[in-house]
Amino acid sequence: MYLAASVDPPQTNKEFAQSLDADYPILSDPDKKVAEAYGVLMPMGFANRWTFYIGPDGKISHIDTKVNVDSAGADIATELGTLGVPKASGR
């Protein structure tokens, strides 16, 4: 399973997801408590764009703090392979 999270309000995230025709949920954290807990909240109130890889056991197995939006999809696929996550079938 994969998802995204944002400090934007739910309606903004819903509209953004629809504009992308996203096949994953974009969770909303408008009070920024989760962003703060994960250490991604910047002093200006924005969240850093980091990718957290969380295993079935709920433990974080890797954090990518240098996300490149142009290659993020390929980078994620590569890291999942490195972590031994099997490729999804039917996609």
PDB file of N, CA and C in Angstrom:
ATOM      1  N   MET A   1       0.846  -1.171   0.000  1.00  0.00           N
ATOM      2  CA  MET A   1       0.000   0.000   0.000  1.00  0.00           C
ATOM      3  C   MET A   1       0.891   1.234   0.000  1.00  0.00           C
ATOM      4  N   TYR A   2       0.450   2.258  -0.661  1.00  0.00           N
ATOM      5  CA  TYR A   2       1.166   3.517  -0.644  1.00  0.00           C
ATOM      6  C   TYR A   2       0.164   4.647  -0.515  1.00  0.00           C
ATOM      7  N   LEU A   3       0.646   5.745   0.052  1.00  0.00           N
ATOM      8  CA  LEU A   3      -0.202   6.911   0.255  1.00  0.00           C
ATOM      9  C   LEU A   3       0.678   8.133   0.350  1.00  0.00           C
ATOM     10  N   ALA A   4       0.059   9.275   0.344  1.00  0.00           N
ATOM     11  CA  ALA A   4       0.766  10.541   0.514  1.00  0.00           C
ATOM     12  C   ALA A   4       0.128  11.268   1.684  1.00  0.00           C
ATOM     13  N   ALA A   5       0.865  12.208   2.235  1.00  0.00           N
ATOM     14  CA  ALA A   5       0.334  13.032   3.320  1.00  0.00           C
ATOM     15  C   ALA A   5       0.737  14.467   3.063  1.00  0.00           C
ATOM     16  N   SER A   6      -0.109  15.373   3.475  1.00  0.00           N
ATOM     17  CA  SER A   6       0.117  16.791   3.257  1.00  0.00           C
ATOM     18  C   SER A   6      -0.426  17.574   4.440  1.00  0.00           C
ATOM     19  N   VAL A   7       0.149  18.738   4.670  1.00  0.00           N
ATOM     20  CA  VAL A   7      -0.372  19.609   5.731  1.00  0.00           C
ATOM     21  C   VAL A   7      -1.509  20.492   5.218  1.00  0.00           C
ATOM     22  N   ASP A   8      -1.897  20.290   3.971  1.00  0.00           N
ATOM     23  CA  ASP A   8      -3.026  21.043   3.408  1.00  0.00           C
ATOM     24  C   ASP A   8      -4.349  20.496   3.924  1.00  0.00           C
ATOM     25  N   PRO A   9      -5.399  21.315   3.860  1.00  0.00           N
ATOM     26  CA  PRO A   9      -6.728  20.849   4.298  1.00  0.00           C
ATOM     27  C   PRO A   9      -7.250  19.710   3.428  1.00  0.00           C
ATOM     28  N   PRO A  10      -8.162  18.895   3.954  1.00  0.00           N
ATOM     29  CA  PRO A  10      -8.689  17.745   3.204  1.00  0.00           C
ATOM     30  C   PRO A  10      -9.240  18.098   1.828  1.00  0.00           C
ATOM     31  N   GLN A  11      -9.993  19.167   1.717  1.00  0.00           N
ATOM     32  CA  GLN A  11     -10.590  19.525   0.422  1.00  0.00           C
ATOM     33  C   GLN A  11      -9.513  19.836  -0.614  1.00  0.00           C
ATOM     34  N   THR A  12      -8.467  20.536  -0.200  1.00  0.00           N
ATOM     35  CA  THR A  12      -7.364  20.848  -1.109  1.00  0.00           C
ATOM     36  C   THR A  12      -6.693  19.559  -1.583  1.00  0.00           C
ATOM     37  N   ASN A  13      -6.470  18.622  -0.653  1.00  0.00           N
ATOM     38  CA  ASN A  13      -5.856  17.345  -1.028  1.00  0.00           C
ATOM     39  C   ASN A  13      -6.755  16.551  -1.954  1.00  0.00           C
ATOM     40  N   LYS A  14      -8.056  16.581  -1.700  1.00  0.00           N
ATOM     41  CA  LYS A  14      -9.002  15.858  -2.558  1.00  0.00           C
ATOM     42  C   LYS A  14      -8.949  16.410  -3.982  1.00  0.00           C
ATOM     43  N   GLU A  15      -8.979  17.721  -4.100  1.00  0.00           N
ATOM     44  CA  GLU A  15      -8.945  18.349  -5.425  1.00  0.00           C
ATOM     45  C   GLU A  15      -7.615  18.067  -6.129  1.00  0.00           C
ATOM     46  N   PHE A  16      -6.522  18.099  -5.377  1.00  0.00           N
ATOM     47  CA  PHE A  16      -5.211  17.807  -5.954  1.00  0.00           C
ATOM     48  C   PHE A  16      -5.160  16.364  -6.444  1.00  0.00           C
ATOM     49  N   ALA A  17      -5.636  15.432  -5.637  1.00  0.00           N
ATOM     50  CA  ALA A  17      -5.650  14.018  -6.029  1.00  0.00           C
ATOM     51  C   ALA A  17      -6.496  13.813  -7.280  1.00  0.00           C
ATOM     52  N   GLN A  18      -7.642  14.480  -7.347  1.00  0.00           N
ATOM     53  CA  GLN A  18      -8.505  14.362  -8.525  1.00  0.00           C
ATOM     54  C   GLN A  18      -7.822  14.939  -9.758  1.00  0.00           C
ATOM     55  N   SER A  19      -7.079  16.042  -9.592  1.00  0.00           N
ATOM     56  CA  SER A  19      -6.404  16.655 -10.737  1.00  0.00           C
ATOM     57  C   SER A  19      -5.311  15.741 -11.289  1.00  0.00           C
ATOM     58  N   LEU A  20      -4.748  14.907 -10.430  1.00  0.00           N
ATOM     59  CA  LEU A  20      -3.706  13.960 -10.847  1.00  0.00           C
ATOM     60  C   LEU A  20      -4.278  12.613 -11.272  1.00  0.00           C
ATOM     61  N   ASP A  21      -5.571  12.416 -11.024  1.00  0.00           N
ATOM     62  CA  ASP A  21      -6.199  11.102 -11.198  1.00  0.00           C
ATOM     63  C   ASP A  21      -5.425  10.061 -10.383  1.00  0.00           C
ATOM     64  N   ALA A  22      -5.075  10.459  -9.158  1.00  0.00           N
ATOM     65  CA  ALA A  22      -4.261   9.623  -8.276  1.00  0.00           C
ATOM     66  C   ALA A  22      -5.016   8.365  -7.875  1.00  0.00           C
ATOM     67  N   ASP A  23      -4.278   7.249  -7.836  1.00  0.00           N
ATOM     68  CA  ASP A  23      -4.878   5.977  -7.417  1.00  0.00           C
ATOM     69  C   ASP A  23      -4.469   5.634  -5.982  1.00  0.00           C
ATOM     70  N   TYR A  24      -4.137   6.657  -5.215  1.00  0.00           N
ATOM     71  CA  TYR A  24      -3.734   6.484  -3.823  1.00  0.00           C
ATOM     72  C   TYR A  24      -4.320   7.629  -3.001  1.00  0.00           C
ATOM     73  N   PRO A  25      -4.502   7.419  -1.721  1.00  0.00           N
ATOM     74  CA  PRO A  25      -5.051   8.482  -0.883  1.00  0.00           C
ATOM     75  C   PRO A  25      -3.999   9.537  -0.542  1.00  0.00           C
ATOM     76  N   ILE A  26      -4.436  10.765  -0.394  1.00  0.00           N
ATOM     77  CA  ILE A  26      -3.591  11.833   0.124  1.00  0.00           C
ATOM     78  C   ILE A  26      -4.196  12.241   1.466  1.00  0.00           C
ATOM     79  N   LEU A  27      -3.510  11.861   2.520  1.00  0.00           N
ATOM     80  CA  LEU A  27      -3.990  12.147   3.865  1.00  0.00           C
ATOM     81  C   LEU A  27      -3.745  13.611   4.213  1.00  0.00           C
ATOM     82  N   SER A  28      -4.562  14.142   5.085  1.00  0.00           N
ATOM     83  CA  SER A  28      -4.463  15.541   5.457  1.00  0.00           C
ATOM     84  C   SER A  28      -4.021  15.677   6.916  1.00  0.00           C
ATOM     85  N   ASP A  29      -3.087  16.574   7.144  1.00  0.00           N
ATOM     86  CA  ASP A  29      -2.539  16.846   8.473  1.00  0.00           C
ATOM     87  C   ASP A  29      -2.526  18.362   8.705  1.00  0.00           C
ATOM     88  N   PRO A  30      -3.711  19.004   8.670  1.00  0.00           N
ATOM     89  CA  PRO A  30      -3.723  20.465   8.744  1.00  0.00           C
ATOM     90  C   PRO A  30      -3.223  21.032  10.073  1.00  0.00           C
ATOM     91  N   ASP A  31      -3.297  20.255  11.158  1.00  0.00           N
ATOM     92  CA  ASP A  31      -2.764  20.769  12.427  1.00  0.00           C
ATOM     93  C   ASP A  31      -1.262  20.500  12.552  1.00  0.00           C
ATOM     94  N   LYS A  32      -0.707  19.798  11.579  1.00  0.00           N
ATOM     95  CA  LYS A  32       0.732  19.561  11.424  1.00  0.00           C
ATOM     96  C   LYS A  32       1.355  18.739  12.548  1.00  0.00           C
ATOM     97  N   LYS A  33       0.535  18.042  13.313  1.00  0.00           N
ATOM     98  CA  LYS A  33       1.057  17.226  14.414  1.00  0.00           C
ATOM     99  C   LYS A  33       1.817  16.003  13.905  1.00  0.00           C
ATOM    100  N   VAL A  34       1.303  15.362  12.869  1.00  0.00           N
ATOM    101  CA  VAL A  34       1.975  14.191  12.321  1.00  0.00           C
ATOM    102  C   VAL A  34       3.281  14.605  11.644  1.00  0.00           C
ATOM    103  N   ALA A  35       3.247  15.695  10.890  1.00  0.00           N
ATOM    104  CA  ALA A  35       4.464  16.192  10.241  1.00  0.00           C
ATOM    105  C   ALA A  35       5.526  16.512  11.283  1.00  0.00           C
ATOM    106  N   GLU A  36       5.112  17.097  12.370  1.00  0.00           N
ATOM    107  CA  GLU A  36       6.061  17.409  13.439  1.00  0.00           C
ATOM    108  C   GLU A  36       6.614  16.124  14.068  1.00  0.00           C
ATOM    109  N   ALA A  37       5.740  15.146  14.298  1.00  0.00           N
ATOM    110  CA  ALA A  37       6.166  13.882  14.899  1.00  0.00           C
ATOM    111  C   ALA A  37       7.166  13.136  14.009  1.00  0.00           C
ATOM    112  N   TYR A  38       7.007  13.242  12.690  1.00  0.00           N
ATOM    113  CA  TYR A  38       7.925  12.577  11.764  1.00  0.00           C
ATOM    114  C   TYR A  38       9.162  13.422  11.465  1.00  0.00           C
ATOM    115  N   GLY A  39       9.226  14.627  12.020  1.00  0.00           N
ATOM    116  CA  GLY A  39      10.405  15.470  11.851  1.00  0.00           C
ATOM    117  C   GLY A  39      10.518  16.139  10.505  1.00  0.00           C
ATOM    118  N   VAL A  40       9.402  16.296   9.786  1.00  0.00           N
ATOM    119  CA  VAL A  40       9.454  16.893   8.457  1.00  0.00           C
ATOM    120  C   VAL A  40       8.971  18.339   8.419  1.00  0.00           C
ATOM    121  N   LEU A  41       8.473  18.851   9.538  1.00  0.00           N
ATOM    122  CA  LEU A  41       7.920  20.202   9.557  1.00  0.00           C
ATOM    123  C   LEU A  41       9.045  21.230   9.589  1.00  0.00           C
ATOM    124  N   MET A  42       9.024  22.130   8.639  1.00  0.00           N
ATOM    125  CA  MET A  42      10.027  23.191   8.564  1.00  0.00           C
ATOM    126  C   MET A  42       9.552  24.388   9.381  1.00  0.00           C
ATOM    127  N   PRO A  43      10.454  25.281   9.777  1.00  0.00           N
ATOM    128  CA  PRO A  43      10.070  26.438  10.590  1.00  0.00           C
ATOM    129  C   PRO A  43       8.973  27.307   9.956  1.00  0.00           C
ATOM    130  N   MET A  44       8.911  27.356   8.627  1.00  0.00           N
ATOM    131  CA  MET A  44       7.905  28.181   7.951  1.00  0.00           C
ATOM    132  C   MET A  44       6.530  27.525   7.924  1.00  0.00           C
ATOM    133  N   GLY A  45       6.402  26.304   8.458  1.00  0.00           N
ATOM    134  CA  GLY A  45       5.111  25.632   8.503  1.00  0.00           C
ATOM    135  C   GLY A  45       4.847  24.675   7.364  1.00  0.00           C
ATOM    136  N   PHE A  46       5.760  24.606   6.415  1.00  0.00           N
ATOM    137  CA  PHE A  46       5.632  23.647   5.320  1.00  0.00           C
ATOM    138  C   PHE A  46       6.296  22.343   5.731  1.00  0.00           C
ATOM    139  N   ALA A  47       5.929  21.271   5.053  1.00  0.00           N
ATOM    140  CA  ALA A  47       6.546  19.971   5.329  1.00  0.00           C
ATOM    141  C   ALA A  47       7.575  19.656   4.250  1.00  0.00           C
ATOM    142  N   ASN A  48       8.718  19.123   4.679  1.00  0.00           N
ATOM    143  CA  ASN A  48       9.696  18.631   3.720  1.00  0.00           C
ATOM    144  C   ASN A  48       9.085  17.484   2.930  1.00  0.00           C
ATOM    145  N   ARG A  49       9.520  17.322   1.701  1.00  0.00           N
ATOM    146  CA  ARG A  49       9.029  16.244   0.841  1.00  0.00           C
ATOM    147  C   ARG A  49       9.957  15.039   1.009  1.00  0.00           C
ATOM    148  N   TRP A  50       9.630  14.198   1.957  1.00  0.00           N
ATOM    149  CA  TRP A  50      10.417  13.005   2.243  1.00  0.00           C
ATOM    150  C   TRP A  50       9.557  11.781   1.974  1.00  0.00           C
ATOM    151  N   THR A  51      10.212  10.661   1.680  1.00  0.00           N
ATOM    152  CA  THR A  51       9.505   9.400   1.501  1.00  0.00           C
ATOM    153  C   THR A  51       9.904   8.456   2.625  1.00  0.00           C
ATOM    154  N   PHE A  52       8.907   7.951   3.336  1.00  0.00           N
ATOM    155  CA  PHE A  52       9.110   6.990   4.413  1.00  0.00           C
ATOM    156  C   PHE A  52       8.657   5.614   3.918  1.00  0.00           C
ATOM    157  N   TYR A  53       9.512   4.628   4.072  1.00  0.00           N
ATOM    158  CA  TYR A  53       9.183   3.252   3.710  1.00  0.00           C
ATOM    159  C   TYR A  53       8.895   2.524   5.013  1.00  0.00           C
ATOM    160  N   ILE A  54       7.655   2.111   5.192  1.00  0.00           N
ATOM    161  CA  ILE A  54       7.215   1.489   6.436  1.00  0.00           C
ATOM    162  C   ILE A  54       6.827   0.045   6.139  1.00  0.00           C
ATOM    163  N   GLY A  55       7.452  -0.875   6.847  1.00  0.00           N
ATOM    164  CA  GLY A  55       7.220  -2.295   6.624  1.00  0.00           C
ATOM    165  C   GLY A  55       5.912  -2.773   7.217  1.00  0.00           C
ATOM    166  N   PRO A  56       5.539  -4.005   6.914  1.00  0.00           N
ATOM    167  CA  PRO A  56       4.303  -4.581   7.449  1.00  0.00           C
ATOM    168  C   PRO A  56       4.282  -4.616   8.974  1.00  0.00           C
ATOM    169  N   ASP A  57       5.468  -4.575   9.573  1.00  0.00           N
ATOM    170  CA  ASP A  57       5.552  -4.577  11.033  1.00  0.00           C
ATOM    171  C   ASP A  57       5.363  -3.184  11.634  1.00  0.00           C
ATOM    172  N   GLY A  58       5.169  -2.179  10.772  1.00  0.00           N
ATOM    173  CA  GLY A  58       4.959  -0.810  11.239  1.00  0.00           C
ATOM    174  C   GLY A  58       6.237  -0.035  11.508  1.00  0.00           C
ATOM    175  N   LYS A  59       7.379  -0.664  11.267  1.00  0.00           N
ATOM    176  CA  LYS A  59       8.663  -0.005  11.501  1.00  0.00           C
ATOM    177  C   LYS A  59       9.156   0.668  10.224  1.00  0.00           C
ATOM    178  N   ILE A  60       9.781   1.825  10.392  1.00  0.00           N
ATOM    179  CA  ILE A  60      10.354   2.538   9.257  1.00  0.00           C
ATOM    180  C   ILE A  60      11.641   1.822   8.850  1.00  0.00           C
ATOM    181  N   SER A  61      11.692   1.391   7.585  1.00  0.00           N
ATOM    182  CA  SER A  61      12.868   0.682   7.102  1.00  0.00           C
ATOM    183  C   SER A  61      13.819   1.585   6.330  1.00  0.00           C
ATOM    184  N   HIS A  62      13.329   2.709   5.842  1.00  0.00           N
ATOM    185  CA  HIS A  62      14.181   3.648   5.101  1.00  0.00           C
ATOM    186  C   HIS A  62      13.465   4.991   5.018  1.00  0.00           C
ATOM    187  N   ILE A  63      14.255   6.061   5.006  1.00  0.00           N
ATOM    188  CA  ILE A  63      13.718   7.409   4.796  1.00  0.00           C
ATOM    189  C   ILE A  63      14.542   8.065   3.703  1.00  0.00           C
ATOM    190  N   ASP A  64      13.873   8.509   2.656  1.00  0.00           N
ATOM    191  CA  ASP A  64      14.540   9.252   1.583  1.00  0.00           C
ATOM    192  C   ASP A  64      14.309  10.731   1.857  1.00  0.00           C
ATOM    193  N   THR A  65      15.350  11.433   2.245  1.00  0.00           N
ATOM    194  CA  THR A  65      15.242  12.862   2.562  1.00  0.00           C
ATOM    195  C   THR A  65      15.626  13.743   1.383  1.00  0.00           C
ATOM    196  N   LYS A  66      15.970  13.124   0.270  1.00  0.00           N
ATOM    197  CA  LYS A  66      16.381  13.882  -0.913  1.00  0.00           C
ATOM    198  C   LYS A  66      15.487  13.519  -2.100  1.00  0.00           C
ATOM    199  N   VAL A  67      14.190  13.696  -1.947  1.00  0.00           N
ATOM    200  CA  VAL A  67      13.224  13.337  -2.982  1.00  0.00           C
ATOM    201  C   VAL A  67      13.370  14.278  -4.172  1.00  0.00           C
ATOM    202  N   ASN A  68      13.489  13.689  -5.348  1.00  0.00           N
ATOM    203  CA  ASN A  68      13.539  14.426  -6.600  1.00  0.00           C
ATOM    204  C   ASN A  68      12.207  14.187  -7.309  1.00  0.00           C
ATOM    205  N   VAL A  69      11.384  15.225  -7.443  1.00  0.00           N
ATOM    206  CA  VAL A  69      10.042  15.037  -8.007  1.00  0.00           C
ATOM    207  C   VAL A  69      10.073  14.493  -9.434  1.00  0.00           C
ATOM    208  N   ASP A  70      11.136  14.762 -10.168  1.00  0.00           N
ATOM    209  CA  ASP A  70      11.213  14.285 -11.547  1.00  0.00           C
ATOM    210  C   ASP A  70      11.483  12.785 -11.644  1.00  0.00           C
ATOM    211  N   SER A  71      12.099  12.210 -10.618  1.00  0.00           N
ATOM    212  CA  SER A  71      12.435  10.783 -10.680  1.00  0.00           C
ATOM    213  C   SER A  71      11.869   9.999  -9.496  1.00  0.00           C
ATOM    214  N   ALA A  72      10.954  10.596  -8.760  1.00  0.00           N
ATOM    215  CA  ALA A  72      10.458   9.966  -7.524  1.00  0.00           C
ATOM    216  C   ALA A  72       9.865   8.584  -7.764  1.00  0.00           C
ATOM    217  N   GLY A  73       9.063   8.421  -8.790  1.00  0.00           N
ATOM    218  CA  GLY A  73       8.440   7.121  -9.056  1.00  0.00           C
ATOM    219  C   GLY A  73       9.479   6.032  -9.269  1.00  0.00           C
ATOM    220  N   ALA A  74      10.461   6.304 -10.124  1.00  0.00           N
ATOM    221  CA  ALA A  74      11.524   5.339 -10.389  1.00  0.00           C
ATOM    222  C   ALA A  74      12.371   5.115  -9.141  1.00  0.00           C
ATOM    223  N   ASP A  75      12.636   6.182  -8.408  1.00  0.00           N
ATOM    224  CA  ASP A  75      13.433   6.061  -7.181  1.00  0.00           C
ATOM    225  C   ASP A  75      12.725   5.183  -6.154  1.00  0.00           C
ATOM    226  N   ILE A  76      11.431   5.350  -6.031  1.00  0.00           N
ATOM    227  CA  ILE A  76      10.648   4.535  -5.096  1.00  0.00           C
ATOM    228  C   ILE A  76      10.679   3.074  -5.524  1.00  0.00           C
ATOM    229  N   ALA A  77      10.479   2.812  -6.810  1.00  0.00           N
ATOM    230  CA  ALA A  77      10.504   1.433  -7.312  1.00  0.00           C
ATOM    231  C   ALA A  77      11.855   0.784  -7.040  1.00  0.00           C
ATOM    232  N   THR A  78      12.925   1.535  -7.245  1.00  0.00           N
ATOM    233  CA  THR A  78      14.266   1.013  -6.982  1.00  0.00           C
ATOM    234  C   THR A  78      14.456   0.686  -5.509  1.00  0.00           C
ATOM    235  N   GLU A  79      14.046   1.606  -4.641  1.00  0.00           N
ATOM    236  CA  GLU A  79      14.206   1.377  -3.199  1.00  0.00           C
ATOM    237  C   GLU A  79      13.358   0.202  -2.724  1.00  0.00           C
ATOM    238  N   LEU A  80      12.145   0.073  -3.244  1.00  0.00           N
ATOM    239  CA  LEU A  80      11.306  -1.068  -2.864  1.00  0.00           C
ATOM    240  C   LEU A  80      11.985  -2.381  -3.258  1.00  0.00           C
ATOM    241  N   GLY A  81      12.627  -2.398  -4.435  1.00  0.00           N
ATOM    242  CA  GLY A  81      13.359  -3.581  -4.844  1.00  0.00           C
ATOM    243  C   GLY A  81      14.531  -3.860  -3.909  1.00  0.00           C
ATOM    244  N   THR A  82      15.236  -2.814  -3.522  1.00  0.00           N
ATOM    245  CA  THR A  82      16.351  -2.948  -2.590  1.00  0.00           C
ATOM    246  C   THR A  82      15.873  -3.516  -1.249  1.00  0.00           C
ATOM    247  N   LEU A  83      14.692  -3.105  -0.832  1.00  0.00           N
ATOM    248  CA  LEU A  83      14.122  -3.569   0.434  1.00  0.00           C
ATOM    249  C   LEU A  83      13.505  -4.968   0.318  1.00  0.00           C
ATOM    250  N   GLY A  84      13.483  -5.515  -0.899  1.00  0.00           N
ATOM    251  CA  GLY A  84      12.964  -6.868  -1.091  1.00  0.00           C
ATOM    252  C   GLY A  84      11.460  -6.945  -1.225  1.00  0.00           C
ATOM    253  N   VAL A  85      10.822  -5.829  -1.535  1.00  0.00           N
ATOM    254  CA  VAL A  85       9.374  -5.833  -1.709  1.00  0.00           C
ATOM    255  C   VAL A  85       9.056  -6.376  -3.100  1.00  0.00           C
ATOM    256  N   PRO A  86       8.245  -7.427  -3.201  1.00  0.00           N
ATOM    257  CA  PRO A  86       7.927  -7.986  -4.516  1.00  0.00           C
ATOM    258  C   PRO A  86       7.112  -7.004  -5.361  1.00  0.00           C
ATOM    259  N   LYS A  87       7.336  -7.074  -6.657  1.00  0.00           N
ATOM    260  CA  LYS A  87       6.577  -6.218  -7.571  1.00  0.00           C
ATOM    261  C   LYS A  87       5.114  -6.637  -7.546  1.00  0.00           C
ATOM    262  N   ALA A  88       4.241  -5.642  -7.662  1.00  0.00           N
ATOM    263  CA  ALA A  88       2.803  -5.908  -7.705  1.00  0.00           C
ATOM    264  C   ALA A  88       2.452  -6.532  -9.048  1.00  0.00           C
ATOM    265  N   SER A  89       1.523  -7.464  -9.023  1.00  0.00           N
ATOM    266  CA  SER A  89       1.068  -8.064 -10.280  1.00  0.00           C
ATOM    267  C   SER A  89      -0.179  -7.351 -10.754  1.00  0.00           C
ATOM    268  N   GLY A  90      -0.402  -7.358 -12.043  1.00  0.00           N
ATOM    269  CA  GLY A  90      -1.622  -6.788 -12.597  1.00  0.00           C
ATOM    270  C   GLY A  90      -1.587  -5.303 -12.826  1.00  0.00           C
ATOM    271  N   ARG A  91      -0.433  -4.680 -12.779  1.00  0.00           N
ATOM    272  CA  ARG A  91      -0.344  -3.241 -13.019  1.00  0.00           C
ATOM    273  C   ARG A  91       0.410  -3.000 -14.275  1.00  0.00           C
TER     274      ARG A  91
END
